[in-house]
Amino acid sequence: MNELIATAGVFSAGATIGAMLVSHRQQKLSAHLIDGRRIRIPCTAKLRHTSRWTAGRFVIEAGTWEWQPRSPKGELQTLPPDLTMAAVLPQGSPETRKRHLHAMGMECTSSQGDILIAVLPGQIAYLAMALPSTTRPDVE
């Protein structure tokens, strides 16, 4: 019985430390974004009609953004400057589930065609703030 309690305590402590680390990373990213400093969001991107995802980083700095692919071998080496966010796909949608079980997706439009970007849920808000949106709320 004591072993079970000790094991549960160790798992609880590990979960608490993990949650604190994730929370600290989110606070740090938010502070850097507010200050206008450069932040890097790891994500993957692909053209809708292709099957291969290209891993890279979405770099946001002082109102501008840039795509940095991790490897020169990926299909999507650059993202067009006219990239706009069309929709946010739900967590675990079929398009992004192939890439990562917990990834959320953003469907974007551009002159090159539709582009999908997969990113972890806690970081999708930073991409949504950096990209212009094609859907604007009605203002009365």
N, C-alpha and C. Protein backbone atom coordinates (compact mmCIF):
# COMPACT_ATOMS: atom_id res chain seq x y z
N MET A 1 0.82 -1.20 0.00
CA MET A 1 0.00 0.00 0.00
C MET A 1 0.87 1.26 0.00
N ASN A 2 1.95 1.24 0.80
CA ASN A 2 2.84 2.41 0.85
C ASN A 2 3.52 2.65 -0.49
N GLU A 3 3.83 1.56 -1.21
CA GLU A 3 4.45 1.72 -2.53
C GLU A 3 3.50 2.41 -3.50
N LEU A 4 2.24 2.09 -3.42
CA LEU A 4 1.24 2.70 -4.30
C LEU A 4 1.12 4.19 -4.00
N ILE A 5 1.11 4.55 -2.74
CA ILE A 5 1.02 5.97 -2.36
C ILE A 5 2.28 6.71 -2.80
N ALA A 6 3.44 6.09 -2.63
CA ALA A 6 4.69 6.72 -3.04
C ALA A 6 4.73 6.91 -4.56
N THR A 7 4.28 5.90 -5.31
CA THR A 7 4.25 6.00 -6.77
C THR A 7 3.30 7.10 -7.22
N ALA A 8 2.13 7.18 -6.60
CA ALA A 8 1.17 8.24 -6.94
C ALA A 8 1.75 9.61 -6.62
N GLY A 9 2.49 9.72 -5.53
CA GLY A 9 3.11 10.99 -5.17
C GLY A 9 4.17 11.41 -6.17
N VAL A 10 4.97 10.45 -6.63
CA VAL A 10 6.00 10.76 -7.62
C VAL A 10 5.36 11.21 -8.93
N PHE A 11 4.31 10.53 -9.38
CA PHE A 11 3.64 10.92 -10.62
C PHE A 11 2.98 12.29 -10.48
N SER A 12 2.38 12.56 -9.34
CA SER A 12 1.76 13.87 -9.11
C SER A 12 2.80 14.98 -9.14
N ALA A 13 3.93 14.75 -8.49
CA ALA A 13 4.99 15.76 -8.49
C ALA A 13 5.52 15.99 -9.90
N GLY A 14 5.69 14.93 -10.67
CA GLY A 14 6.16 15.07 -12.04
C GLY A 14 5.19 15.84 -12.91
N ALA A 15 3.90 15.56 -12.73
CA ALA A 15 2.88 16.28 -13.50
C ALA A 15 2.85 17.76 -13.14
N THR A 16 3.01 18.05 -11.86
CA THR A 16 3.01 19.44 -11.41
C THR A 16 4.22 20.19 -11.97
N ILE A 17 5.38 19.58 -11.93
CA ILE A 17 6.59 20.22 -12.47
C ILE A 17 6.45 20.42 -13.98
N GLY A 18 5.91 19.43 -14.68
CA GLY A 18 5.70 19.56 -16.12
C GLY A 18 4.75 20.70 -16.45
N ALA A 19 3.66 20.81 -15.71
CA ALA A 19 2.69 21.89 -15.95
C ALA A 19 3.32 23.26 -15.68
N MET A 20 4.15 23.33 -14.64
CA MET A 20 4.81 24.59 -14.33
C MET A 20 5.79 24.99 -15.44
N LEU A 21 6.51 24.04 -16.01
CA LEU A 21 7.44 24.34 -17.09
C LEU A 21 6.71 24.83 -18.34
N VAL A 22 5.60 24.18 -18.68
CA VAL A 22 4.81 24.60 -19.84
C VAL A 22 4.25 25.99 -19.62
N SER A 23 3.74 26.25 -18.43
CA SER A 23 3.18 27.56 -18.11
C SER A 23 4.26 28.64 -18.19
N HIS A 24 5.45 28.34 -17.68
CA HIS A 24 6.55 29.30 -17.73
C HIS A 24 6.93 29.61 -19.18
N ARG A 25 6.97 28.59 -20.03
CA ARG A 25 7.30 28.81 -21.45
C ARG A 25 6.26 29.69 -22.12
N GLN A 26 4.98 29.46 -21.82
CA GLN A 26 3.92 30.28 -22.42
C GLN A 26 4.03 31.73 -21.96
N GLN A 27 4.31 31.95 -20.67
CA GLN A 27 4.46 33.31 -20.16
C GLN A 27 5.65 34.01 -20.80
N LYS A 28 6.74 33.28 -20.98
CA LYS A 28 7.93 33.84 -21.60
C LYS A 28 7.67 34.23 -23.06
N LEU A 29 6.98 33.35 -23.81
CA LEU A 29 6.65 33.68 -25.20
C LEU A 29 5.75 34.90 -25.28
N SER A 30 4.76 34.97 -24.42
CA SER A 30 3.84 36.12 -24.42
C SER A 30 4.59 37.41 -24.09
N ALA A 31 5.46 37.37 -23.10
CA ALA A 31 6.22 38.56 -22.73
C ALA A 31 7.13 39.01 -23.88
N HIS A 32 7.77 38.08 -24.54
CA HIS A 32 8.63 38.43 -25.68
C HIS A 32 7.82 39.02 -26.82
N LEU A 33 6.65 38.47 -27.08
CA LEU A 33 5.80 38.99 -28.16
C LEU A 33 5.33 40.41 -27.85
N ILE A 34 4.94 40.65 -26.61
CA ILE A 34 4.49 41.98 -26.21
C ILE A 34 5.62 42.99 -26.32
N ASP A 35 6.83 42.60 -25.94
CA ASP A 35 7.99 43.49 -26.00
C ASP A 35 8.51 43.70 -27.42
N GLY A 36 7.98 42.95 -28.39
CA GLY A 36 8.45 43.09 -29.76
C GLY A 36 9.68 42.27 -30.07
N ARG A 37 10.07 41.38 -29.15
CA ARG A 37 11.23 40.54 -29.38
C ARG A 37 10.86 39.36 -30.26
N ARG A 38 11.86 38.72 -30.80
CA ARG A 38 11.67 37.60 -31.72
C ARG A 38 11.24 36.36 -30.94
N ILE A 39 10.20 35.70 -31.45
CA ILE A 39 9.81 34.40 -30.91
C ILE A 39 9.78 33.40 -32.05
N ARG A 40 10.07 32.16 -31.73
CA ARG A 40 10.08 31.09 -32.73
C ARG A 40 9.06 30.04 -32.32
N ILE A 41 8.12 29.76 -33.22
CA ILE A 41 7.08 28.78 -32.97
C ILE A 41 7.36 27.55 -33.84
N PRO A 42 7.69 26.40 -33.24
CA PRO A 42 7.90 25.20 -34.06
C PRO A 42 6.59 24.72 -34.65
N CYS A 43 6.58 24.42 -35.92
CA CYS A 43 5.37 23.96 -36.58
C CYS A 43 5.74 23.22 -37.87
N THR A 44 4.75 22.69 -38.53
CA THR A 44 4.94 22.07 -39.83
C THR A 44 3.93 22.67 -40.79
N ALA A 45 4.29 22.68 -42.07
CA ALA A 45 3.42 23.28 -43.07
C ALA A 45 3.45 22.44 -44.34
N LYS A 46 2.36 22.52 -45.10
CA LYS A 46 2.30 21.84 -46.39
C LYS A 46 1.25 22.50 -47.27
N LEU A 47 1.44 22.36 -48.57
CA LEU A 47 0.39 22.75 -49.50
C LEU A 47 -0.72 21.72 -49.41
N ARG A 48 -1.96 22.14 -49.55
CA ARG A 48 -3.08 21.23 -49.35
C ARG A 48 -3.05 20.03 -50.29
N HIS A 49 -2.63 20.23 -51.52
CA HIS A 49 -2.68 19.13 -52.49
C HIS A 49 -1.48 18.18 -52.40
N THR A 50 -0.51 18.47 -51.52
CA THR A 50 0.64 17.57 -51.36
C THR A 50 0.46 16.73 -50.10
N SER A 51 1.26 15.68 -50.00
CA SER A 51 1.13 14.79 -48.85
C SER A 51 2.26 14.98 -47.84
N ARG A 52 3.33 15.67 -48.20
CA ARG A 52 4.48 15.79 -47.32
C ARG A 52 4.46 17.09 -46.53
N TRP A 53 4.70 16.96 -45.22
CA TRP A 53 4.80 18.11 -44.34
C TRP A 53 6.25 18.55 -44.28
N THR A 54 6.47 19.86 -44.17
CA THR A 54 7.80 20.42 -44.02
C THR A 54 7.91 21.01 -42.61
N ALA A 55 8.85 20.49 -41.82
CA ALA A 55 9.06 21.00 -40.46
C ALA A 55 9.85 22.29 -40.51
N GLY A 56 9.52 23.19 -39.61
CA GLY A 56 10.24 24.46 -39.55
C GLY A 56 9.79 25.29 -38.37
N ARG A 57 10.14 26.56 -38.43
CA ARG A 57 9.75 27.49 -37.38
C ARG A 57 9.11 28.71 -38.01
N PHE A 58 8.07 29.17 -37.35
CA PHE A 58 7.41 30.41 -37.72
C PHE A 58 8.00 31.47 -36.80
N VAL A 59 8.76 32.40 -37.35
CA VAL A 59 9.46 33.41 -36.56
C VAL A 59 8.67 34.71 -36.63
N ILE A 60 8.28 35.21 -35.45
CA ILE A 60 7.49 36.44 -35.36
C ILE A 60 8.33 37.48 -34.63
N GLU A 61 8.42 38.68 -35.23
CA GLU A 61 9.21 39.74 -34.62
C GLU A 61 8.65 41.10 -35.02
N ALA A 62 8.24 41.88 -34.05
CA ALA A 62 7.80 43.27 -34.23
C ALA A 62 6.84 43.46 -35.41
N GLY A 63 5.79 42.66 -35.46
CA GLY A 63 4.78 42.83 -36.49
C GLY A 63 5.09 42.16 -37.81
N THR A 64 6.20 41.52 -37.94
CA THR A 64 6.54 40.79 -39.16
C THR A 64 6.69 39.31 -38.84
N TRP A 65 6.62 38.49 -39.87
CA TRP A 65 6.81 37.06 -39.67
C TRP A 65 7.66 36.50 -40.80
N GLU A 66 8.23 35.34 -40.54
CA GLU A 66 9.11 34.69 -41.51
C GLU A 66 9.03 33.18 -41.28
N TRP A 67 9.12 32.41 -42.35
CA TRP A 67 9.12 30.95 -42.27
C TRP A 67 10.55 30.47 -42.44
N GLN A 68 11.03 29.65 -41.49
CA GLN A 68 12.36 29.08 -41.57
C GLN A 68 12.24 27.57 -41.57
N PRO A 69 12.38 26.93 -42.74
CA PRO A 69 12.32 25.47 -42.77
C PRO A 69 13.54 24.86 -42.10
N ARG A 70 13.36 23.70 -41.49
CA ARG A 70 14.48 23.06 -40.80
C ARG A 70 15.45 22.41 -41.77
N SER A 71 14.95 21.91 -42.88
CA SER A 71 15.78 21.18 -43.81
C SER A 71 15.62 21.76 -45.22
N PRO A 72 16.68 21.81 -45.99
CA PRO A 72 16.54 22.30 -47.36
C PRO A 72 15.86 21.29 -48.29
N LYS A 73 15.52 20.11 -47.78
CA LYS A 73 14.91 19.07 -48.62
C LYS A 73 13.39 19.12 -48.65
N GLY A 74 12.77 19.90 -47.79
CA GLY A 74 11.31 19.95 -47.72
C GLY A 74 10.69 20.59 -48.96
N GLU A 75 9.43 20.27 -49.21
CA GLU A 75 8.75 20.80 -50.39
C GLU A 75 8.42 22.29 -50.24
N LEU A 76 8.13 22.72 -49.04
CA LEU A 76 7.68 24.09 -48.81
C LEU A 76 8.82 24.89 -48.18
N GLN A 77 9.67 25.49 -49.03
CA GLN A 77 10.84 26.21 -48.54
C GLN A 77 10.51 27.66 -48.17
N THR A 78 9.51 28.23 -48.80
CA THR A 78 9.11 29.60 -48.48
C THR A 78 7.59 29.66 -48.40
N LEU A 79 7.10 30.55 -47.58
CA LEU A 79 5.67 30.83 -47.53
C LEU A 79 5.45 32.18 -48.20
N PRO A 80 4.40 32.30 -48.99
CA PRO A 80 4.17 33.57 -49.70
C PRO A 80 3.84 34.70 -48.73
N PRO A 81 4.24 35.93 -49.07
CA PRO A 81 3.98 37.06 -48.17
C PRO A 81 2.51 37.41 -48.04
N ASP A 82 1.68 36.96 -48.97
CA ASP A 82 0.25 37.27 -48.91
C ASP A 82 -0.56 36.20 -48.15
N LEU A 83 0.11 35.42 -47.31
CA LEU A 83 -0.54 34.36 -46.55
C LEU A 83 -1.55 34.95 -45.57
N THR A 84 -2.79 34.46 -45.63
CA THR A 84 -3.83 34.90 -44.71
C THR A 84 -4.51 33.69 -44.09
N MET A 85 -4.90 33.82 -42.83
CA MET A 85 -5.55 32.72 -42.12
C MET A 85 -7.02 32.65 -42.53
N ALA A 86 -7.45 31.47 -42.95
CA ALA A 86 -8.85 31.28 -43.34
C ALA A 86 -9.66 30.60 -42.25
N ALA A 87 -9.07 29.61 -41.57
CA ALA A 87 -9.81 28.89 -40.53
C ALA A 87 -8.83 28.18 -39.60
N VAL A 88 -9.31 27.94 -38.39
CA VAL A 88 -8.56 27.13 -37.42
C VAL A 88 -9.25 25.77 -37.36
N LEU A 89 -8.48 24.73 -37.61
CA LEU A 89 -9.03 23.38 -37.59
C LEU A 89 -9.01 22.85 -36.16
N PRO A 90 -9.97 22.03 -35.78
CA PRO A 90 -10.02 21.53 -34.41
C PRO A 90 -8.86 20.58 -34.11
N GLN A 91 -8.56 20.46 -32.82
CA GLN A 91 -7.49 19.58 -32.38
C GLN A 91 -7.82 18.15 -32.77
N GLY A 92 -6.84 17.46 -33.36
CA GLY A 92 -7.03 16.08 -33.78
C GLY A 92 -7.82 15.92 -35.06
N SER A 93 -7.91 16.98 -35.89
CA SER A 93 -8.61 16.85 -37.16
C SER A 93 -7.82 15.91 -38.07
N PRO A 94 -8.47 15.27 -39.03
CA PRO A 94 -7.77 14.28 -39.87
C PRO A 94 -6.54 14.84 -40.59
N GLU A 95 -6.58 16.11 -40.99
CA GLU A 95 -5.45 16.68 -41.72
C GLU A 95 -4.21 16.78 -40.83
N THR A 96 -4.39 17.19 -39.57
CA THR A 96 -3.24 17.39 -38.70
C THR A 96 -2.92 16.16 -37.86
N ARG A 97 -3.84 15.26 -37.69
CA ARG A 97 -3.61 14.07 -36.87
C ARG A 97 -2.49 13.21 -37.46
N LYS A 98 -2.35 13.25 -38.77
CA LYS A 98 -1.27 12.48 -39.41
C LYS A 98 0.10 13.01 -38.99
N ARG A 99 0.16 14.27 -38.64
CA ARG A 99 1.44 14.89 -38.25
C ARG A 99 1.70 14.74 -36.75
N HIS A 100 0.72 15.03 -35.93
CA HIS A 100 0.87 14.95 -34.47
C HIS A 100 -0.53 14.80 -33.88
N LEU A 101 -0.67 13.91 -32.92
CA LEU A 101 -1.99 13.60 -32.37
C LEU A 101 -2.67 14.82 -31.77
N HIS A 102 -1.92 15.68 -31.09
CA HIS A 102 -2.52 16.82 -30.39
C HIS A 102 -2.43 18.12 -31.18
N ALA A 103 -1.91 18.09 -32.37
CA ALA A 103 -1.71 19.33 -33.13
C ALA A 103 -3.03 19.94 -33.57
N MET A 104 -3.04 21.26 -33.60
CA MET A 104 -4.16 22.00 -34.17
C MET A 104 -3.68 22.54 -35.51
N GLY A 105 -4.60 22.73 -36.41
CA GLY A 105 -4.22 23.20 -37.73
C GLY A 105 -4.81 24.55 -38.07
N MET A 106 -4.10 25.25 -38.91
CA MET A 106 -4.60 26.50 -39.47
C MET A 106 -4.66 26.33 -40.98
N GLU A 107 -5.81 26.64 -41.52
CA GLU A 107 -5.95 26.62 -42.97
C GLU A 107 -5.73 28.04 -43.45
N CYS A 108 -4.76 28.21 -44.34
CA CYS A 108 -4.40 29.54 -44.85
C CYS A 108 -4.55 29.57 -46.36
N THR A 109 -4.80 30.75 -46.88
CA THR A 109 -4.89 30.95 -48.32
C THR A 109 -3.77 31.88 -48.76
N SER A 110 -3.35 31.70 -50.01
CA SER A 110 -2.29 32.54 -50.56
C SER A 110 -2.33 32.45 -52.07
N SER A 111 -1.40 33.14 -52.70
CA SER A 111 -1.31 33.09 -54.16
C SER A 111 -0.82 31.72 -54.64
N GLN A 112 -0.13 30.96 -53.78
CA GLN A 112 0.33 29.62 -54.14
C GLN A 112 -0.77 28.57 -53.97
N GLY A 113 -1.84 28.92 -53.32
CA GLY A 113 -2.92 27.98 -53.05
C GLY A 113 -3.14 27.84 -51.55
N ASP A 114 -3.94 26.85 -51.17
CA ASP A 114 -4.23 26.62 -49.75
C ASP A 114 -3.04 25.96 -49.07
N ILE A 115 -2.72 26.44 -47.89
CA ILE A 115 -1.61 25.92 -47.10
C ILE A 115 -2.12 25.54 -45.72
N LEU A 116 -1.71 24.37 -45.23
CA LEU A 116 -2.05 23.93 -43.88
C LEU A 116 -0.82 24.10 -42.99
N ILE A 117 -1.04 24.63 -41.79
CA ILE A 117 0.02 24.78 -40.80
C ILE A 117 -0.43 24.04 -39.55
N ALA A 118 0.39 23.11 -39.07
CA ALA A 118 0.08 22.36 -37.85
C ALA A 118 0.98 22.86 -36.73
N VAL A 119 0.36 23.16 -35.58
CA VAL A 119 1.09 23.70 -34.43
C VAL A 119 0.43 23.18 -33.16
N LEU A 120 1.17 23.16 -32.07
CA LEU A 120 0.61 22.69 -30.81
C LEU A 120 -0.42 23.70 -30.28
N PRO A 121 -1.44 23.24 -29.56
CA PRO A 121 -2.55 24.11 -29.16
C PRO A 121 -2.16 25.36 -28.39
N GLY A 122 -1.18 25.29 -27.51
CA GLY A 122 -0.81 26.45 -26.71
C GLY A 122 -0.14 27.55 -27.51
N GLN A 123 0.27 27.26 -28.74
CA GLN A 123 1.02 28.23 -29.52
C GLN A 123 0.29 28.71 -30.77
N ILE A 124 -0.90 28.21 -31.00
CA ILE A 124 -1.63 28.60 -32.21
C ILE A 124 -2.09 30.06 -32.15
N ALA A 125 -2.30 30.59 -30.95
CA ALA A 125 -2.75 31.98 -30.82
C ALA A 125 -1.70 32.95 -31.33
N TYR A 126 -0.43 32.62 -31.17
CA TYR A 126 0.63 33.52 -31.65
C TYR A 126 0.62 33.61 -33.18
N LEU A 127 0.37 32.49 -33.84
CA LEU A 127 0.28 32.51 -35.30
C LEU A 127 -0.96 33.27 -35.75
N ALA A 128 -2.07 33.08 -35.03
CA ALA A 128 -3.31 33.77 -35.38
C ALA A 128 -3.15 35.28 -35.25
N MET A 129 -2.35 35.73 -34.29
CA MET A 129 -2.12 37.17 -34.13
C MET A 129 -1.19 37.72 -35.21
N ALA A 130 -0.27 36.90 -35.70
CA ALA A 130 0.72 37.37 -36.67
C ALA A 130 0.17 37.44 -38.09
N LEU A 131 -0.76 36.52 -38.42
CA LEU A 131 -1.28 36.47 -39.79
C LEU A 131 -2.59 37.25 -39.92
N PRO A 132 -2.77 37.96 -41.03
CA PRO A 132 -4.07 38.58 -41.24
C PRO A 132 -5.13 37.51 -41.50
N SER A 133 -6.36 37.83 -41.17
CA SER A 133 -7.44 36.86 -41.30
C SER A 133 -8.37 37.25 -42.45
N THR A 134 -8.87 36.24 -43.18
CA THR A 134 -9.83 36.53 -44.24
C THR A 134 -11.23 36.68 -43.69
N THR A 135 -11.47 36.15 -42.51
CA THR A 135 -12.80 36.28 -41.88
C THR A 135 -12.74 37.38 -40.84
N ARG A 136 -13.43 38.43 -41.10
CA ARG A 136 -13.46 39.57 -40.17
C ARG A 136 -14.82 39.58 -39.49
N PRO A 137 -14.86 39.88 -38.18
CA PRO A 137 -16.15 39.96 -37.51
C PRO A 137 -16.94 41.18 -37.99
N ASP A 138 -18.24 41.05 -38.02
CA ASP A 138 -19.09 42.18 -38.42
C ASP A 138 -19.06 43.25 -37.34
N VAL A 139 -18.87 44.48 -37.76
CA VAL A 139 -18.85 45.61 -36.84
C VAL A 139 -20.05 46.47 -37.15
N GLU A 140 -20.84 46.71 -36.14
CA GLU A 140 -22.06 47.54 -36.35
C GLU A 140 -21.86 48.92 -35.82
